[in-house]
């Protein structure tokens, strides 16, 4: 992917349903589905980013997708998961705020619903 003003890398990743491991100069991205799975998994069990990352690295390596350096996933996954969970929380908060606000419909009439 190439960085440009019209299409930042973060936007390009999100368009592909990927989430960067850092807000700027990200070196790895995770699928939104994987981050949601981990979020839900850690609701049901004690969170262990190291165990989750080690297991994921082992499964990927066994399927022919090894990481170049040891602990690559473990170092980046917690950051991506944290930023993803913050984003989900912010979106939920904003949606709830908008749902509580009275709105003005298309004709400019006040509507409390």
PDB file of N, CA and C in Angstrom:
ATOM      1  N   UNK A   1       0.837  -1.166   0.000  1.00  0.00           N
ATOM      2  CA  UNK A   1       0.000   0.000   0.000  1.00  0.00           C
ATOM      3  C   UNK A   1       0.885   1.233   0.000  1.00  0.00           C
ATOM      4  N   UNK A   2       0.361   2.256  -0.620  1.00  0.00           N
ATOM      5  CA  UNK A   2       1.099   3.507  -0.696  1.00  0.00           C
ATOM      6  C   UNK A   2       0.324   4.609   0.020  1.00  0.00           C
ATOM      7  N   UNK A   3       1.049   5.424   0.753  1.00  0.00           N
ATOM      8  CA  UNK A   3       0.453   6.551   1.473  1.00  0.00           C
ATOM      9  C   UNK A   3       0.261   7.710   0.505  1.00  0.00           C
ATOM     10  N   UNK A   4      -0.916   8.303   0.524  1.00  0.00           N
ATOM     11  CA  UNK A   4      -1.151   9.523  -0.235  1.00  0.00           C
ATOM     12  C   UNK A   4      -2.217  10.335   0.498  1.00  0.00           C
ATOM     13  N   UNK A   5      -2.307  11.609   0.190  1.00  0.00           N
ATOM     14  CA  UNK A   5      -3.248  12.481   0.898  1.00  0.00           C
ATOM     15  C   UNK A   5      -4.703  12.104   0.628  1.00  0.00           C
ATOM     16  N   UNK A   6      -4.999  11.673  -0.581  1.00  0.00           N
ATOM     17  CA  UNK A   6      -6.380  11.332  -0.915  1.00  0.00           C
ATOM     18  C   UNK A   6      -6.820  10.021  -0.264  1.00  0.00           C
ATOM     19  N   UNK A   7      -5.900   9.089  -0.094  1.00  0.00           N
ATOM     20  CA  UNK A   7      -6.238   7.786   0.500  1.00  0.00           C
ATOM     21  C   UNK A   7      -5.167   7.367   1.489  1.00  0.00           C
ATOM     22  N   UNK A   8      -5.266   7.822   2.728  1.00  0.00           N
ATOM     23  CA  UNK A   8      -4.296   7.400   3.742  1.00  0.00           C
ATOM     24  C   UNK A   8      -4.296   5.875   3.888  1.00  0.00           C
ATOM     25  N   UNK A   9      -3.180   5.328   4.302  1.00  0.00           N
ATOM     26  CA  UNK A   9      -3.047   3.881   4.455  1.00  0.00           C
ATOM     27  C   UNK A   9      -4.120   3.330   5.394  1.00  0.00           C
ATOM     28  N   UNK A  10      -4.405   4.045   6.470  1.00  0.00           N
ATOM     29  CA  UNK A  10      -5.422   3.577   7.414  1.00  0.00           C
ATOM     30  C   UNK A  10      -6.762   3.391   6.709  1.00  0.00           C
ATOM     31  N   UNK A  11      -7.148   4.329   5.857  1.00  0.00           N
ATOM     32  CA  UNK A  11      -8.406   4.212   5.118  1.00  0.00           C
ATOM     33  C   UNK A  11      -8.364   3.029   4.150  1.00  0.00           C
ATOM     34  N   UNK A  12      -7.220   2.826   3.507  1.00  0.00           N
ATOM     35  CA  UNK A  12      -7.084   1.701   2.591  1.00  0.00           C
ATOM     36  C   UNK A  12      -7.221   0.372   3.329  1.00  0.00           C
ATOM     37  N   UNK A  13      -6.612   0.299   4.514  1.00  0.00           N
ATOM     38  CA  UNK A  13      -6.714  -0.928   5.315  1.00  0.00           C
ATOM     39  C   UNK A  13      -8.155  -1.178   5.746  1.00  0.00           C
ATOM     40  N   UNK A  14      -8.821  -0.145   6.250  1.00  0.00           N
ATOM     41  CA  UNK A  14     -10.204  -0.306   6.700  1.00  0.00           C
ATOM     42  C   UNK A  14     -11.126  -0.708   5.553  1.00  0.00           C
ATOM     43  N   UNK A  15     -10.858  -0.210   4.359  1.00  0.00           N
ATOM     44  CA  UNK A  15     -11.654  -0.595   3.192  1.00  0.00           C
ATOM     45  C   UNK A  15     -11.520  -2.092   2.907  1.00  0.00           C
ATOM     46  N   UNK A  16     -10.420  -2.674   3.339  1.00  0.00           N
ATOM     47  CA  UNK A  16     -10.181  -4.116   3.176  1.00  0.00           C
ATOM     48  C   UNK A  16     -10.517  -4.900   4.453  1.00  0.00           C
ATOM     49  N   UNK A  17     -11.196  -4.235   5.401  1.00  0.00           N
ATOM     50  CA  UNK A  17     -11.600  -4.815   6.677  1.00  0.00           C
ATOM     51  C   UNK A  17     -10.396  -5.245   7.507  1.00  0.00           C
ATOM     52  N   UNK A  18      -9.357  -4.405   7.456  1.00  0.00           N
ATOM     53  CA  UNK A  18      -8.149  -4.613   8.248  1.00  0.00           C
ATOM     54  C   UNK A  18      -7.963  -3.425   9.175  1.00  0.00           C
ATOM     55  N   UNK A  19      -7.322  -3.658  10.312  1.00  0.00           N
ATOM     56  CA  UNK A  19      -7.114  -2.609  11.305  1.00  0.00           C
ATOM     57  C   UNK A  19      -5.627  -2.546  11.628  1.00  0.00           C
ATOM     58  N   UNK A  20      -5.030  -1.352  11.539  1.00  0.00           N
ATOM     59  CA  UNK A  20      -3.583  -1.229  11.768  1.00  0.00           C
ATOM     60  C   UNK A  20      -3.209  -1.455  13.231  1.00  0.00           C
ATOM     61  N   UNK A  21      -1.959  -1.887  13.453  1.00  0.00           N
ATOM     62  CA  UNK A  21      -1.511  -2.126  14.827  1.00  0.00           C
ATOM     63  C   UNK A  21      -1.140  -0.834  15.536  1.00  0.00           C
ATOM     64  N   UNK A  22      -1.035   0.260  14.800  1.00  0.00           N
ATOM     65  CA  UNK A  22      -0.734   1.569  15.391  1.00  0.00           C
ATOM     66  C   UNK A  22      -1.405   2.648  14.541  1.00  0.00           C
ATOM     67  N   UNK A  23      -1.756   3.781  15.163  1.00  0.00           N
ATOM     68  CA  UNK A  23      -2.424   4.843  14.395  1.00  0.00           C
ATOM     69  C   UNK A  23      -1.552   5.428  13.277  1.00  0.00           C
ATOM     70  N   UNK A  24      -0.242   5.477  13.488  1.00  0.00           N
ATOM     71  CA  UNK A  24       0.683   6.023  12.488  1.00  0.00           C
ATOM     72  C   UNK A  24       1.811   5.032  12.225  1.00  0.00           C
ATOM     73  N   UNK A  25       2.245   4.970  10.990  1.00  0.00           N
ATOM     74  CA  UNK A  25       3.372   4.117  10.590  1.00  0.00           C
ATOM     75  C   UNK A  25       3.210   2.681  11.068  1.00  0.00           C
ATOM     76  N   UNK A  26       2.068   2.123  10.814  1.00  0.00           N
ATOM     77  CA  UNK A  26       1.771   0.760  11.212  1.00  0.00           C
ATOM     78  C   UNK A  26       2.570  -0.227  10.369  1.00  0.00           C
ATOM     79  N   UNK A  27       3.060  -1.277  11.005  1.00  0.00           N
ATOM     80  CA  UNK A  27       3.839  -2.283  10.285  1.00  0.00           C
ATOM     81  C   UNK A  27       3.083  -3.596  10.109  1.00  0.00           C
ATOM     82  N   UNK A  28       1.878  -3.670  10.674  1.00  0.00           N
ATOM     83  CA  UNK A  28       1.091  -4.889  10.602  1.00  0.00           C
ATOM     84  C   UNK A  28      -0.379  -4.521  10.782  1.00  0.00           C
ATOM     85  N   UNK A  29      -1.252  -5.275  10.131  1.00  0.00           N
ATOM     86  CA  UNK A  29      -2.699  -5.035  10.273  1.00  0.00           C
ATOM     87  C   UNK A  29      -3.390  -6.355  10.572  1.00  0.00           C
ATOM     88  N   UNK A  30      -4.512  -6.258  11.273  1.00  0.00           N
ATOM     89  CA  UNK A  30      -5.284  -7.436  11.663  1.00  0.00           C
ATOM     90  C   UNK A  30      -6.685  -7.315  11.093  1.00  0.00           C
ATOM     91  N   UNK A  31      -7.302  -8.449  10.808  1.00  0.00           N
ATOM     92  CA  UNK A  31      -8.673  -8.404  10.308  1.00  0.00           C
ATOM     93  C   UNK A  31      -9.596  -7.928  11.420  1.00  0.00           C
ATOM     94  N   UNK A  32     -10.621  -7.191  11.032  1.00  0.00           N
ATOM     95  CA  UNK A  32     -11.606  -6.730  12.007  1.00  0.00           C
ATOM     96  C   UNK A  32     -12.284  -7.918  12.678  1.00  0.00           C
ATOM     97  N   UNK A  33     -12.479  -8.992  11.930  1.00  0.00           N
ATOM     98  CA  UNK A  33     -13.112 -10.179  12.484  1.00  0.00           C
ATOM     99  C   UNK A  33     -12.252 -10.791  13.581  1.00  0.00           C
ATOM    100  N   UNK A  34     -10.932 -10.824  13.367  1.00  0.00           N
ATOM    101  CA  UNK A  34     -10.029 -11.382  14.374  1.00  0.00           C
ATOM    102  C   UNK A  34     -10.046 -10.530  15.643  1.00  0.00           C
ATOM    103  N   UNK A  35     -10.033  -9.206  15.487  1.00  0.00           N
ATOM    104  CA  UNK A  35     -10.073  -8.322  16.643  1.00  0.00           C
ATOM    105  C   UNK A  35     -11.391  -8.453  17.399  1.00  0.00           C
ATOM    106  N   UNK A  36     -12.483  -8.591  16.681  1.00  0.00           N
ATOM    107  CA  UNK A  36     -13.778  -8.767  17.341  1.00  0.00           C
ATOM    108  C   UNK A  36     -13.824 -10.120  18.057  1.00  0.00           C
ATOM    109  N   UNK A  37     -13.275 -11.146  17.425  1.00  0.00           N
ATOM    110  CA  UNK A  37     -13.211 -12.463  18.060  1.00  0.00           C
ATOM    111  C   UNK A  37     -12.424 -12.382  19.368  1.00  0.00           C
ATOM    112  N   UNK A  38     -11.254 -11.753  19.335  1.00  0.00           N
ATOM    113  CA  UNK A  38     -10.432 -11.632  20.538  1.00  0.00           C
ATOM    114  C   UNK A  38     -11.161 -10.811  21.606  1.00  0.00           C
ATOM    115  N   UNK A  39     -11.823  -9.748  21.193  1.00  0.00           N
ATOM    116  CA  UNK A  39     -12.571  -8.927  22.158  1.00  0.00           C
ATOM    117  C   UNK A  39     -13.636  -9.752  22.865  1.00  0.00           C
ATOM    118  N   UNK A  40     -14.379 -10.526  22.100  1.00  0.00           N
ATOM    119  CA  UNK A  40     -15.435 -11.360  22.684  1.00  0.00           C
ATOM    120  C   UNK A  40     -14.837 -12.496  23.508  1.00  0.00           C
ATOM    121  N   UNK A  41     -13.747 -13.078  23.047  1.00  0.00           N
ATOM    122  CA  UNK A  41     -13.084 -14.154  23.776  1.00  0.00           C
ATOM    123  C   UNK A  41     -12.624 -13.670  25.142  1.00  0.00           C
ATOM    124  N   UNK A  42     -12.042 -12.470  25.187  1.00  0.00           N
ATOM    125  CA  UNK A  42     -11.511 -11.949  26.438  1.00  0.00           C
ATOM    126  C   UNK A  42     -12.616 -11.482  27.393  1.00  0.00           C
ATOM    127  N   UNK A  43     -13.847 -11.387  26.908  1.00  0.00           N
ATOM    128  CA  UNK A  43     -14.979 -11.127  27.804  1.00  0.00           C
ATOM    129  C   UNK A  43     -15.283 -12.404  28.593  1.00  0.00           C
ATOM    130  N   UNK A  44     -15.072 -13.552  27.944  1.00  0.00           N
ATOM    131  CA  UNK A  44     -15.419 -14.847  28.547  1.00  0.00           C
ATOM    132  C   UNK A  44     -14.276 -15.499  29.319  1.00  0.00           C
ATOM    133  N   UNK A  45     -13.066 -15.007  29.146  1.00  0.00           N
ATOM    134  CA  UNK A  45     -11.925 -15.597  29.847  1.00  0.00           C
ATOM    135  C   UNK A  45     -10.929 -14.513  30.212  1.00  0.00           C
ATOM    136  N   UNK A  46      -9.989 -14.850  31.053  1.00  0.00           N
ATOM    137  CA  UNK A  46      -8.954 -13.881  31.423  1.00  0.00           C
ATOM    138  C   UNK A  46      -8.141 -13.515  30.185  1.00  0.00           C
ATOM    139  N   UNK A  47      -7.979 -12.221  29.913  1.00  0.00           N
ATOM    140  CA  UNK A  47      -7.243 -11.831  28.717  1.00  0.00           C
ATOM    141  C   UNK A  47      -5.767 -12.214  28.812  1.00  0.00           C
ATOM    142  N   UNK A  48      -5.274 -12.786  27.752  1.00  0.00           N
ATOM    143  CA  UNK A  48      -3.859 -13.118  27.652  1.00  0.00           C
ATOM    144  C   UNK A  48      -3.420 -12.863  26.221  1.00  0.00           C
ATOM    145  N   UNK A  49      -2.972 -11.641  25.975  1.00  0.00           N
ATOM    146  CA  UNK A  49      -2.526 -11.287  24.625  1.00  0.00           C
ATOM    147  C   UNK A  49      -1.362 -12.161  24.188  1.00  0.00           C
ATOM    148  N   UNK A  50      -0.466 -12.477  25.115  1.00  0.00           N
ATOM    149  CA  UNK A  50       0.704 -13.293  24.767  1.00  0.00           C
ATOM    150  C   UNK A  50       0.275 -14.694  24.320  1.00  0.00           C
ATOM    151  N   UNK A  51      -0.632 -15.329  25.064  1.00  0.00           N
ATOM    152  CA  UNK A  51      -1.097 -16.667  24.697  1.00  0.00           C
ATOM    153  C   UNK A  51      -1.860 -16.638  23.374  1.00  0.00           C
ATOM    154  N   UNK A  52      -2.710 -15.637  23.200  1.00  0.00           N
ATOM    155  CA  UNK A  52      -3.477 -15.521  21.961  1.00  0.00           C
ATOM    156  C   UNK A  52      -2.536 -15.337  20.770  1.00  0.00           C
ATOM    157  N   UNK A  53      -1.559 -14.444  20.924  1.00  0.00           N
ATOM    158  CA  UNK A  53      -0.613 -14.181  19.836  1.00  0.00           C
ATOM    159  C   UNK A  53       0.259 -15.400  19.545  1.00  0.00           C
ATOM    160  N   UNK A  54       0.736 -16.069  20.578  1.00  0.00           N
ATOM    161  CA  UNK A  54       1.580 -17.247  20.371  1.00  0.00           C
ATOM    162  C   UNK A  54       0.809 -18.352  19.651  1.00  0.00           C
ATOM    163  N   UNK A  55      -0.447 -18.550  20.039  1.00  0.00           N
ATOM    164  CA  UNK A  55      -1.281 -19.556  19.392  1.00  0.00           C
ATOM    165  C   UNK A  55      -1.531 -19.194  17.935  1.00  0.00           C
ATOM    166  N   UNK A  56      -1.847 -17.932  17.693  1.00  0.00           N
ATOM    167  CA  UNK A  56      -2.104 -17.476  16.325  1.00  0.00           C
ATOM    168  C   UNK A  56      -0.854 -17.620  15.463  1.00  0.00           C
ATOM    169  N   UNK A  57       0.313 -17.235  16.000  1.00  0.00           N
ATOM    170  CA  UNK A  57       1.574 -17.387  15.255  1.00  0.00           C
ATOM    171  C   UNK A  57       1.837 -18.850  14.918  1.00  0.00           C
ATOM    172  N   UNK A  58       1.596 -19.746  15.877  1.00  0.00           N
ATOM    173  CA  UNK A  58       1.824 -21.177  15.646  1.00  0.00           C
ATOM    174  C   UNK A  58       0.899 -21.715  14.560  1.00  0.00           C
ATOM    175  N   UNK A  59      -0.374 -21.318  14.607  1.00  0.00           N
ATOM    176  CA  UNK A  59      -1.337 -21.781  13.593  1.00  0.00           C
ATOM    177  C   UNK A  59      -0.956 -21.236  12.214  1.00  0.00           C
ATOM    178  N   UNK A  60      -0.601 -19.954  12.148  1.00  0.00           N
ATOM    179  CA  UNK A  60      -0.194 -19.373  10.865  1.00  0.00           C
ATOM    180  C   UNK A  60       1.066 -20.053  10.319  1.00  0.00           C
ATOM    181  N   UNK A  61       2.047 -20.290  11.182  1.00  0.00           N
ATOM    182  CA  UNK A  61       3.288 -20.952  10.744  1.00  0.00           C
ATOM    183  C   UNK A  61       3.007 -22.369  10.241  1.00  0.00           C
ATOM    184  N   UNK A  62       2.132 -23.079  10.932  1.00  0.00           N
ATOM    185  CA  UNK A  62       1.783 -24.443  10.512  1.00  0.00           C
ATOM    186  C   UNK A  62       1.074 -24.458   9.165  1.00  0.00           C
ATOM    187  N   UNK A  63       0.455 -23.333   8.816  1.00  0.00           N
ATOM    188  CA  UNK A  63      -0.234 -23.237   7.523  1.00  0.00           C
ATOM    189  C   UNK A  63       0.596 -22.522   6.471  1.00  0.00           C
ATOM    190  N   UNK A  64       1.897 -22.365   6.734  1.00  0.00           N
ATOM    191  CA  UNK A  64       2.808 -21.803   5.734  1.00  0.00           C
ATOM    192  C   UNK A  64       2.952 -20.298   5.765  1.00  0.00           C
ATOM    193  N   UNK A  65       2.554 -19.664   6.849  1.00  0.00           N
ATOM    194  CA  UNK A  65       2.653 -18.212   6.966  1.00  0.00           C
ATOM    195  C   UNK A  65       3.428 -17.812   8.217  1.00  0.00           C
ATOM    196  N   UNK A  66       4.720 -18.159   8.269  1.00  0.00           N
ATOM    197  CA  UNK A  66       5.499 -17.817   9.466  1.00  0.00           C
ATOM    198  C   UNK A  66       5.850 -16.335   9.521  1.00  0.00           C
ATOM    199  N   UNK A  67       6.044 -15.833  10.741  1.00  0.00           N
ATOM    200  CA  UNK A  67       6.524 -14.467  10.914  1.00  0.00           C
ATOM    201  C   UNK A  67       8.036 -14.469  10.802  1.00  0.00           C
ATOM    202  N   UNK A  68       8.590 -13.360  10.334  1.00  0.00           N
ATOM    203  CA  UNK A  68      10.035 -13.273  10.136  1.00  0.00           C
ATOM    204  C   UNK A  68      10.801 -13.195  11.452  1.00  0.00           C
ATOM    205  N   UNK A  69      10.220 -12.573  12.458  1.00  0.00           N
ATOM    206  CA  UNK A  69      10.894 -12.450  13.747  1.00  0.00           C
ATOM    207  C   UNK A  69      10.014 -13.021  14.842  1.00  0.00           C
ATOM    208  N   UNK A  70      10.638 -13.505  15.883  1.00  0.00           N
ATOM    209  CA  UNK A  70       9.905 -14.071  17.003  1.00  0.00           C
ATOM    210  C   UNK A  70       9.162 -12.970  17.753  1.00  0.00           C
ATOM    211  N   UNK A  71       7.989 -13.265  18.232  1.00  0.00           N
ATOM    212  CA  UNK A  71       7.159 -12.331  18.999  1.00  0.00           C
ATOM    213  C   UNK A  71       6.653 -11.138  18.186  1.00  0.00           C
ATOM    214  N   UNK A  72       6.684 -11.222  16.858  1.00  0.00           N
ATOM    215  CA  UNK A  72       6.178 -10.117  16.037  1.00  0.00           C
ATOM    216  C   UNK A  72       4.722  -9.821  16.344  1.00  0.00           C
ATOM    217  N   UNK A  73       3.930 -10.851  16.383  1.00  0.00           N
ATOM    218  CA  UNK A  73       2.499 -10.674  16.616  1.00  0.00           C
ATOM    219  C   UNK A  73       2.245 -10.235  18.054  1.00  0.00           C
ATOM    220  N   UNK A  74       2.951 -10.831  19.009  1.00  0.00           N
ATOM    221  CA  UNK A  74       2.737 -10.505  20.414  1.00  0.00           C
ATOM    222  C   UNK A  74       3.015  -9.037  20.695  1.00  0.00           C
ATOM    223  N   UNK A  75       3.983  -8.449  20.034  1.00  0.00           N
ATOM    224  CA  UNK A  75       4.323  -7.046  20.273  1.00  0.00           C
ATOM    225  C   UNK A  75       3.314  -6.093  19.633  1.00  0.00           C
ATOM    226  N   UNK A  76       2.679  -6.488  18.561  1.00  0.00           N
ATOM    227  CA  UNK A  76       1.788  -5.585  17.825  1.00  0.00           C
ATOM    228  C   UNK A  76       0.303  -5.802  18.114  1.00  0.00           C
ATOM    229  N   UNK A  77      -0.069  -7.033  18.415  1.00  0.00           N
ATOM    230  CA  UNK A  77      -1.487  -7.341  18.605  1.00  0.00           C
ATOM    231  C   UNK A  77      -2.132  -6.551  19.741  1.00  0.00           C
ATOM    232  N   UNK A  78      -1.519  -6.449  20.930  1.00  0.00           N
ATOM    233  CA  UNK A  78      -2.174  -5.697  22.016  1.00  0.00           C
ATOM    234  C   UNK A  78      -2.489  -4.247  21.648  1.00  0.00           C
ATOM    235  N   UNK A  79      -1.597  -3.614  20.903  1.00  0.00           N
ATOM    236  CA  UNK A  79      -1.832  -2.231  20.477  1.00  0.00           C
ATOM    237  C   UNK A  79      -3.029  -2.147  19.544  1.00  0.00           C
ATOM    238  N   UNK A  80      -3.076  -3.038  18.569  1.00  0.00           N
ATOM    239  CA  UNK A  80      -4.203  -3.038  17.632  1.00  0.00           C
ATOM    240  C   UNK A  80      -5.515  -3.316  18.360  1.00  0.00           C
ATOM    241  N   UNK A  81      -5.503  -4.283  19.261  1.00  0.00           N
ATOM    242  CA  UNK A  81      -6.713  -4.625  20.000  1.00  0.00           C
ATOM    243  C   UNK A  81      -7.178  -3.447  20.859  1.00  0.00           C
ATOM    244  N   UNK A  82      -6.258  -2.794  21.532  1.00  0.00           N
ATOM    245  CA  UNK A  82      -6.597  -1.633  22.356  1.00  0.00           C
ATOM    246  C   UNK A  82      -7.213  -0.520  21.516  1.00  0.00           C
ATOM    247  N   UNK A  83      -6.583  -0.163  20.392  1.00  0.00           N
ATOM    248  CA  UNK A  83      -7.111   0.903  19.534  1.00  0.00           C
ATOM    249  C   UNK A  83      -8.462   0.517  18.940  1.00  0.00           C
ATOM    250  N   UNK A  84      -8.614  -0.745  18.577  1.00  0.00           N
ATOM    251  CA  UNK A  84      -9.889  -1.219  18.040  1.00  0.00           C
ATOM    252  C   UNK A  84     -10.995  -1.093  19.092  1.00  0.00           C
ATOM    253  N   UNK A  85     -10.719  -1.539  20.316  1.00  0.00           N
ATOM    254  CA  UNK A  85     -11.725  -1.477  21.370  1.00  0.00           C
ATOM    255  C   UNK A  85     -12.077  -0.034  21.727  1.00  0.00           C
ATOM    256  N   UNK A  86     -11.106   0.856  21.709  1.00  0.00           N
ATOM    257  CA  UNK A  86     -11.384   2.278  21.950  1.00  0.00           C
ATOM    258  C   UNK A  86     -12.282   2.828  20.851  1.00  0.00           C
ATOM    259  N   UNK A  87     -11.976   2.494  19.600  1.00  0.00           N
ATOM    260  CA  UNK A  87     -12.795   2.959  18.480  1.00  0.00           C
ATOM    261  C   UNK A  87     -14.226   2.446  18.588  1.00  0.00           C
ATOM    262  N   UNK A  88     -14.395   1.173  18.898  1.00  0.00           N
ATOM    263  CA  UNK A  88     -15.743   0.605  19.056  1.00  0.00           C
ATOM    264  C   UNK A  88     -16.491   1.326  20.175  1.00  0.00           C
ATOM    265  N   UNK A  89     -15.813   1.568  21.294  1.00  0.00           N
ATOM    266  CA  UNK A  89     -16.437   2.280  22.425  1.00  0.00           C
ATOM    267  C   UNK A  89     -16.844   3.697  22.024  1.00  0.00           C
ATOM    268  N   UNK A  90     -15.975   4.403  21.318  1.00  0.00           N
ATOM    269  CA  UNK A  90     -16.277   5.774  20.883  1.00  0.00           C
ATOM    270  C   UNK A  90     -17.467   5.798  19.929  1.00  0.00           C
ATOM    271  N   UNK A  91     -17.512   4.851  19.005  1.00  0.00           N
ATOM    272  CA  UNK A  91     -18.633   4.790  18.063  1.00  0.00           C
ATOM    273  C   UNK A  91     -19.928   4.502  18.815  1.00  0.00           C
ATOM    274  N   UNK A  92     -19.905   3.546  19.735  1.00  0.00           N
ATOM    275  CA  UNK A  92     -21.101   3.237  20.524  1.00  0.00           C
ATOM    276  C   UNK A  92     -21.577   4.453  21.311  1.00  0.00           C
ATOM    277  N   UNK A  93     -20.646   5.164  21.922  1.00  0.00           N
ATOM    278  CA  UNK A  93     -20.993   6.362  22.697  1.00  0.00           C
ATOM    279  C   UNK A  93     -21.619   7.423  21.803  1.00  0.00           C
ATOM    280  N   UNK A  94     -21.050   7.635  20.638  1.00  0.00           N
ATOM    281  CA  UNK A  94     -21.576   8.642  19.713  1.00  0.00           C
ATOM    282  C   UNK A  94     -22.957   8.254  19.192  1.00  0.00           C
ATOM    283  N   UNK A  95     -23.154   6.994  18.876  1.00  0.00           N
ATOM    284  CA  UNK A  95     -24.468   6.533  18.405  1.00  0.00           C
ATOM    285  C   UNK A  95     -25.516   6.728  19.495  1.00  0.00           C
ATOM    286  N   UNK A  96     -25.173   6.400  20.740  1.00  0.00           N
ATOM    287  CA  UNK A  96     -26.104   6.600  21.845  1.00  0.00           C
ATOM    288  C   UNK A  96     -26.416   8.085  22.040  1.00  0.00           C
ATOM    289  N   UNK A  97     -25.402   8.929  21.910  1.00  0.00           N
ATOM    290  CA  UNK A  97     -25.620  10.372  22.052  1.00  0.00           C
ATOM    291  C   UNK A  97     -26.553  10.879  20.964  1.00  0.00           C
ATOM    292  N   UNK A  98     -26.311  10.459  19.734  1.00  0.00           N
ATOM    293  CA  UNK A  98     -27.157  10.896  18.622  1.00  0.00           C
ATOM    294  C   UNK A  98     -28.583  10.381  18.765  1.00  0.00           C
ATOM    295  N   UNK A  99     -28.734   9.188  19.309  1.00  0.00           N
ATOM    296  CA  UNK A  99     -30.070   8.617  19.493  1.00  0.00           C
ATOM    297  C   UNK A  99     -30.866   9.393  20.535  1.00  0.00           C
ATOM    298  N   UNK A 100     -30.196  10.016  21.494  1.00  0.00           N
ATOM    299  CA  UNK A 100     -30.888  10.775  22.543  1.00  0.00           C
ATOM    300  C   UNK A 100     -31.233  12.188  22.109  1.00  0.00           C
ATOM    301  N   UNK A 101     -30.527  12.721  21.130  1.00  0.00           N
ATOM    302  CA  UNK A 101     -30.754  14.104  20.704  1.00  0.00           C
ATOM    303  C   UNK A 101     -32.021  14.223  19.873  1.00  0.00           C
ATOM    304  N   UNK A 102     -32.784  15.278  20.084  1.00  0.00           N
ATOM    305  CA  UNK A 102     -33.913  15.522  19.177  1.00  0.00           C
ATOM    306  C   UNK A 102     -33.358  15.859  17.792  1.00  0.00           C
ATOM    307  N   UNK A 103     -34.092  15.512  16.790  1.00  0.00           N
ATOM    308  CA  UNK A 103     -33.595  15.745  15.432  1.00  0.00           C
ATOM    309  C   UNK A 103     -34.525  16.668  14.649  1.00  0.00           C
ATOM    310  N   UNK A 104     -34.007  17.154  13.567  1.00  0.00           N
ATOM    311  CA  UNK A 104     -34.803  17.960  12.643  1.00  0.00           C
ATOM    312  C   UNK A 104     -34.924  17.140  11.367  1.00  0.00           C
ATOM    313  N   UNK A 105     -36.163  16.862  10.958  1.00  0.00           N
ATOM    314  CA  UNK A 105     -36.333  16.019   9.782  1.00  0.00           C
ATOM    315  C   UNK A 105     -36.001  16.790   8.502  1.00  0.00           C
ATOM    316  N   UNK A 106     -36.144  16.149   7.356  1.00  0.00           N
ATOM    317  CA  UNK A 106     -35.739  16.726   6.085  1.00  0.00           C
ATOM    318  C   UNK A 106     -36.461  18.015   5.750  1.00  0.00           C
ATOM    319  N   UNK A 107     -37.681  18.214   6.197  1.00  0.00           N
ATOM    320  CA  UNK A 107     -38.412  19.438   5.880  1.00  0.00           C
ATOM    321  C   UNK A 107     -38.108  20.546   6.884  1.00  0.00           C
ATOM    322  N   UNK A 108     -37.234  20.264   7.876  1.00  0.00           N
ATOM    323  CA  UNK A 108     -36.861  21.271   8.842  1.00  0.00           C
ATOM    324  C   UNK A 108     -37.760  21.315  10.050  1.00  0.00           C
ATOM    325  N   UNK A 109     -38.629  20.322  10.197  1.00  0.00           N
ATOM    326  CA  UNK A 109     -39.536  20.265  11.328  1.00  0.00           C
ATOM    327  C   UNK A 109     -38.890  19.547  12.500  1.00  0.00           C
ATOM    328  N   UNK A 110     -39.114  20.076  13.697  1.00  0.00           N
ATOM    329  CA  UNK A 110     -38.568  19.458  14.909  1.00  0.00           C
ATOM    330  C   UNK A 110     -39.262  18.129  15.167  1.00  0.00           C
ATOM    331  N   UNK A 111     -38.463  17.139  15.486  1.00  0.00           N
ATOM    332  CA  UNK A 111     -39.016  15.825  15.837  1.00  0.00           C
ATOM    333  C   UNK A 111     -38.298  15.309  17.076  1.00  0.00           C
ATOM    334  N   UNK A 112     -39.017  15.006  18.145  1.00  0.00           N
ATOM    335  CA  UNK A 112     -38.358  14.496  19.359  1.00  0.00           C
ATOM    336  C   UNK A 112     -37.911  13.055  19.226  1.00  0.00           C
ATOM    337  N   UNK A 113     -38.232  12.375  18.133  1.00  0.00           N
ATOM    338  CA  UNK A 113     -37.878  10.951  17.955  1.00  0.00           C
ATOM    339  C   UNK A 113     -36.973  10.762  16.791  1.00  0.00           C
TER     340      UNK A 113
END
